[in-house]
Amino acid sequence: SDVSYNTEKPDWFNKKLIVLELNAKEILAAGDQPVNLVISDLQAINRNSIYKLLAPFLPAPLIDKATSLGLKHWIVKENEESYIVYFYKD
């Protein structure tokens, strides 16, 4: 894939713009998949808003889908089992 993922802090990031947050770790631990919930949430947030996703791995297909919907992202890798992905709707 020629998709590149943004790991550099973007100009648009401001924690005051975070309107929703989801911990996918809890959903995955329960045996469920959070993809549809996240996509629904991303479509529902207003412009100039950030959605914060906590995940136990890099959710590449989800990032690809969000990008196709016109959202920007920023990935923060805390460690091998903890990622934060910020999605921004401008």
Foldseek 3Di string as FASTA:
>chain_A
DPDDAAADDDPLDDPVQEDEEDEVVVVVVVVHGCLVVVVVVLVPDDASHKYKYKFQAPPVVSQVVLVVVPWHWHWDDPDNGIIIIIIHHD
